[in-house]
Amino acid sequence: MIGIHPIHRKMALITWMSTNQYGQIKLDKAAVKLLQPLLKQNLKMIQRLDELKNLSYIAHVNGEYDWQHNICAKIEALERDLFEV
């Protein structure tokens, strides 16, 4: 089973509720207001994961394997916490 983060599930629900019978998404002001904080949270999650993955690469290139192992543990913990199954 593939996990889906609660933020993504909420964004999908808002989108589904804003979709008309022809499959067109029509976001009203209320939907946009609900989506904005979710989009910001999603951005923060992606930025943190990208930051850690870039640091892991830098550690690897520089032969800093203890540092890389520490970073990878943080990545794994973050990814584990990101998804509900």
N, C-alpha and C. Protein backbone atom coordinates (compact mmCIF):
# COMPACT_ATOMS: atom_id res chain seq x y z
N MET A 1 0.84 -1.18 0.00
CA MET A 1 0.00 0.00 0.00
C MET A 1 0.89 1.25 0.00
N ILE A 2 0.52 2.22 -0.77
CA ILE A 2 1.28 3.46 -0.86
C ILE A 2 0.72 4.46 0.16
N GLY A 3 1.62 5.06 0.92
CA GLY A 3 1.19 6.05 1.90
C GLY A 3 0.92 7.40 1.27
N ILE A 4 0.00 8.12 1.86
CA ILE A 4 -0.32 9.47 1.40
C ILE A 4 -0.29 10.39 2.61
N HIS A 5 0.47 11.46 2.49
CA HIS A 5 0.57 12.41 3.59
C HIS A 5 -0.78 13.10 3.79
N PRO A 6 -1.15 13.37 5.03
CA PRO A 6 -2.43 14.04 5.31
C PRO A 6 -2.60 15.35 4.55
N ILE A 7 -1.53 16.09 4.35
CA ILE A 7 -1.62 17.35 3.60
C ILE A 7 -2.08 17.07 2.17
N HIS A 8 -1.50 16.05 1.55
CA HIS A 8 -1.86 15.72 0.18
C HIS A 8 -3.30 15.21 0.10
N ARG A 9 -3.72 14.47 1.11
CA ARG A 9 -5.10 13.98 1.14
C ARG A 9 -6.08 15.15 1.24
N LYS A 10 -5.75 16.14 2.07
CA LYS A 10 -6.61 17.32 2.22
C LYS A 10 -6.66 18.13 0.93
N MET A 11 -5.50 18.28 0.26
CA MET A 11 -5.48 19.02 -1.01
C MET A 11 -6.32 18.29 -2.05
N ALA A 12 -6.24 16.97 -2.06
CA ALA A 12 -7.04 16.19 -3.01
C ALA A 12 -8.53 16.35 -2.73
N LEU A 13 -8.91 16.35 -1.47
CA LEU A 13 -10.32 16.51 -1.11
C LEU A 13 -10.85 17.87 -1.56
N ILE A 14 -10.08 18.92 -1.29
CA ILE A 14 -10.50 20.26 -1.70
C ILE A 14 -10.63 20.34 -3.22
N THR A 15 -9.68 19.72 -3.92
CA THR A 15 -9.73 19.71 -5.38
C THR A 15 -10.95 18.93 -5.87
N TRP A 16 -11.19 17.78 -5.27
CA TRP A 16 -12.36 16.98 -5.65
C TRP A 16 -13.65 17.76 -5.44
N MET A 17 -13.73 18.46 -4.31
CA MET A 17 -14.94 19.24 -4.00
C MET A 17 -15.08 20.43 -4.95
N SER A 18 -14.00 20.84 -5.58
CA SER A 18 -14.01 22.00 -6.48
C SER A 18 -14.08 21.59 -7.95
N THR A 19 -14.28 20.31 -8.21
CA THR A 19 -14.32 19.80 -9.58
C THR A 19 -15.77 19.66 -10.02
N ASN A 20 -16.09 20.22 -11.19
CA ASN A 20 -17.47 20.14 -11.68
C ASN A 20 -17.70 18.83 -12.43
N GLN A 21 -18.90 18.66 -12.93
CA GLN A 21 -19.28 17.41 -13.61
C GLN A 21 -18.50 17.16 -14.89
N TYR A 22 -17.85 18.17 -15.42
CA TYR A 22 -17.06 18.03 -16.64
C TYR A 22 -15.57 17.82 -16.36
N GLY A 23 -15.23 17.70 -15.07
CA GLY A 23 -13.84 17.49 -14.69
C GLY A 23 -13.01 18.74 -14.59
N GLN A 24 -13.64 19.89 -14.70
CA GLN A 24 -12.92 21.16 -14.60
C GLN A 24 -12.84 21.58 -13.13
N ILE A 25 -11.68 22.05 -12.74
CA ILE A 25 -11.49 22.50 -11.36
C ILE A 25 -11.79 23.99 -11.30
N LYS A 26 -12.72 24.36 -10.46
CA LYS A 26 -13.11 25.75 -10.27
C LYS A 26 -12.89 26.09 -8.79
N LEU A 27 -11.79 26.75 -8.52
CA LEU A 27 -11.46 27.09 -7.14
C LEU A 27 -12.09 28.43 -6.78
N ASP A 28 -12.98 28.41 -5.81
CA ASP A 28 -13.54 29.67 -5.32
C ASP A 28 -12.63 30.20 -4.21
N LYS A 29 -12.97 31.36 -3.68
CA LYS A 29 -12.12 31.98 -2.65
C LYS A 29 -11.98 31.11 -1.42
N ALA A 30 -13.06 30.42 -1.05
CA ALA A 30 -13.00 29.55 0.13
C ALA A 30 -12.02 28.40 -0.08
N ALA A 31 -12.04 27.79 -1.28
CA ALA A 31 -11.13 26.69 -1.57
C ALA A 31 -9.68 27.17 -1.58
N VAL A 32 -9.45 28.32 -2.17
CA VAL A 32 -8.09 28.88 -2.20
C VAL A 32 -7.60 29.15 -0.79
N LYS A 33 -8.48 29.67 0.05
CA LYS A 33 -8.11 29.96 1.43
C LYS A 33 -7.76 28.68 2.18
N LEU A 34 -8.45 27.58 1.89
CA LEU A 34 -8.13 26.29 2.51
C LEU A 34 -6.83 25.71 1.96
N LEU A 35 -6.57 25.92 0.68
CA LEU A 35 -5.38 25.34 0.05
C LEU A 35 -4.08 26.06 0.42
N GLN A 36 -4.14 27.35 0.63
CA GLN A 36 -2.90 28.12 0.85
C GLN A 36 -2.04 27.59 2.00
N PRO A 37 -2.58 27.36 3.19
CA PRO A 37 -1.70 26.84 4.25
C PRO A 37 -1.19 25.43 3.96
N LEU A 38 -1.99 24.62 3.27
CA LEU A 38 -1.55 23.28 2.91
C LEU A 38 -0.40 23.34 1.91
N LEU A 39 -0.49 24.25 0.96
CA LEU A 39 0.59 24.41 -0.01
C LEU A 39 1.88 24.89 0.66
N LYS A 40 1.74 25.76 1.63
CA LYS A 40 2.92 26.24 2.37
C LYS A 40 3.56 25.11 3.17
N GLN A 41 2.74 24.28 3.82
CA GLN A 41 3.28 23.15 4.58
C GLN A 41 3.97 22.16 3.64
N ASN A 42 3.37 21.92 2.50
CA ASN A 42 3.97 21.02 1.51
C ASN A 42 5.32 21.56 1.05
N LEU A 43 5.39 22.85 0.77
CA LEU A 43 6.65 23.47 0.35
C LEU A 43 7.72 23.28 1.42
N LYS A 44 7.40 23.50 2.67
CA LYS A 44 8.38 23.33 3.76
C LYS A 44 8.88 21.90 3.83
N MET A 45 7.97 20.93 3.68
CA MET A 45 8.39 19.52 3.72
C MET A 45 9.35 19.21 2.58
N ILE A 46 9.02 19.66 1.38
CA ILE A 46 9.86 19.37 0.22
C ILE A 46 11.22 20.07 0.36
N GLN A 47 11.21 21.31 0.82
CA GLN A 47 12.48 22.03 0.99
C GLN A 47 13.38 21.32 2.00
N ARG A 48 12.82 20.84 3.10
CA ARG A 48 13.61 20.16 4.13
C ARG A 48 14.19 18.86 3.58
N LEU A 49 13.37 18.08 2.88
CA LEU A 49 13.87 16.84 2.30
C LEU A 49 14.97 17.11 1.27
N ASP A 50 14.76 18.09 0.41
CA ASP A 50 15.78 18.43 -0.58
C ASP A 50 17.07 18.89 0.07
N GLU A 51 16.93 19.69 1.12
CA GLU A 51 18.11 20.18 1.85
C GLU A 51 18.91 19.00 2.42
N LEU A 52 18.22 18.08 3.06
CA LEU A 52 18.90 16.92 3.65
C LEU A 52 19.54 16.04 2.57
N LYS A 53 18.84 15.84 1.47
CA LYS A 53 19.39 15.01 0.40
C LYS A 53 20.62 15.66 -0.23
N ASN A 54 20.60 16.98 -0.38
CA ASN A 54 21.78 17.68 -0.90
C ASN A 54 22.94 17.61 0.08
N LEU A 55 22.67 17.74 1.36
CA LEU A 55 23.73 17.61 2.36
C LEU A 55 24.31 16.20 2.37
N SER A 56 23.45 15.21 2.19
CA SER A 56 23.91 13.83 2.13
C SER A 56 24.87 13.64 0.96
N TYR A 57 24.53 14.22 -0.16
CA TYR A 57 25.39 14.13 -1.34
C TYR A 57 26.74 14.80 -1.07
N ILE A 58 26.70 15.98 -0.47
CA ILE A 58 27.94 16.70 -0.16
C ILE A 58 28.80 15.89 0.80
N ALA A 59 28.17 15.30 1.80
CA ALA A 59 28.91 14.47 2.76
C ALA A 59 29.55 13.28 2.04
N HIS A 60 28.81 12.66 1.15
CA HIS A 60 29.33 11.51 0.40
C HIS A 60 30.53 11.90 -0.46
N VAL A 61 30.39 12.98 -1.21
CA VAL A 61 31.46 13.43 -2.10
C VAL A 61 32.73 13.75 -1.31
N ASN A 62 32.56 14.25 -0.10
CA ASN A 62 33.71 14.63 0.73
C ASN A 62 34.19 13.50 1.63
N GLY A 63 33.60 12.32 1.48
CA GLY A 63 34.05 11.17 2.28
C GLY A 63 33.68 11.26 3.74
N GLU A 64 32.74 12.08 4.08
CA GLU A 64 32.29 12.24 5.46
C GLU A 64 31.16 11.25 5.74
N TYR A 65 31.50 9.98 5.87
CA TYR A 65 30.49 8.94 5.92
C TYR A 65 29.70 8.91 7.23
N ASP A 66 30.31 9.29 8.33
CA ASP A 66 29.55 9.39 9.58
C ASP A 66 28.49 10.48 9.48
N TRP A 67 28.88 11.62 8.92
CA TRP A 67 27.95 12.73 8.73
C TRP A 67 26.84 12.29 7.77
N GLN A 68 27.23 11.62 6.69
CA GLN A 68 26.23 11.16 5.72
C GLN A 68 25.26 10.18 6.38
N HIS A 69 25.77 9.28 7.19
CA HIS A 69 24.91 8.31 7.88
C HIS A 69 23.91 9.03 8.78
N ASN A 70 24.39 10.05 9.48
CA ASN A 70 23.52 10.85 10.35
C ASN A 70 22.43 11.56 9.54
N ILE A 71 22.80 12.13 8.42
CA ILE A 71 21.84 12.83 7.55
C ILE A 71 20.82 11.84 7.00
N CYS A 72 21.30 10.67 6.56
CA CYS A 72 20.39 9.66 6.00
C CYS A 72 19.39 9.18 7.06
N ALA A 73 19.82 9.09 8.30
CA ALA A 73 18.90 8.72 9.37
C ALA A 73 17.80 9.77 9.53
N LYS A 74 18.18 11.05 9.39
CA LYS A 74 17.19 12.13 9.46
C LYS A 74 16.21 12.06 8.29
N ILE A 75 16.75 11.76 7.11
CA ILE A 75 15.90 11.63 5.92
C ILE A 75 14.90 10.49 6.13
N GLU A 76 15.40 9.36 6.57
CA GLU A 76 14.53 8.20 6.78
C GLU A 76 13.46 8.49 7.83
N ALA A 77 13.83 9.16 8.90
CA ALA A 77 12.85 9.50 9.94
C ALA A 77 11.79 10.45 9.40
N LEU A 78 12.23 11.44 8.64
CA LEU A 78 11.29 12.40 8.06
C LEU A 78 10.35 11.71 7.07
N GLU A 79 10.90 10.87 6.22
CA GLU A 79 10.07 10.16 5.24
C GLU A 79 9.10 9.20 5.94
N ARG A 80 9.53 8.58 7.00
CA ARG A 80 8.67 7.66 7.76
C ARG A 80 7.49 8.43 8.37
N ASP A 81 7.77 9.65 8.85
CA ASP A 81 6.74 10.47 9.47
C ASP A 81 5.82 11.15 8.46
N LEU A 82 6.25 11.20 7.20
CA LEU A 82 5.48 11.91 6.19
C LEU A 82 4.21 11.18 5.76
N PHE A 83 4.21 9.87 5.89
CA PHE A 83 3.14 9.10 5.27
C PHE A 83 2.30 8.36 6.29
N GLU A 84 1.01 8.38 6.02
CA GLU A 84 0.10 7.52 6.75
C GLU A 84 -0.22 6.38 5.81
N VAL A 85 -0.38 5.23 6.33
CA VAL A 85 -0.66 4.08 5.46
C VAL A 85 -2.06 3.59 5.73
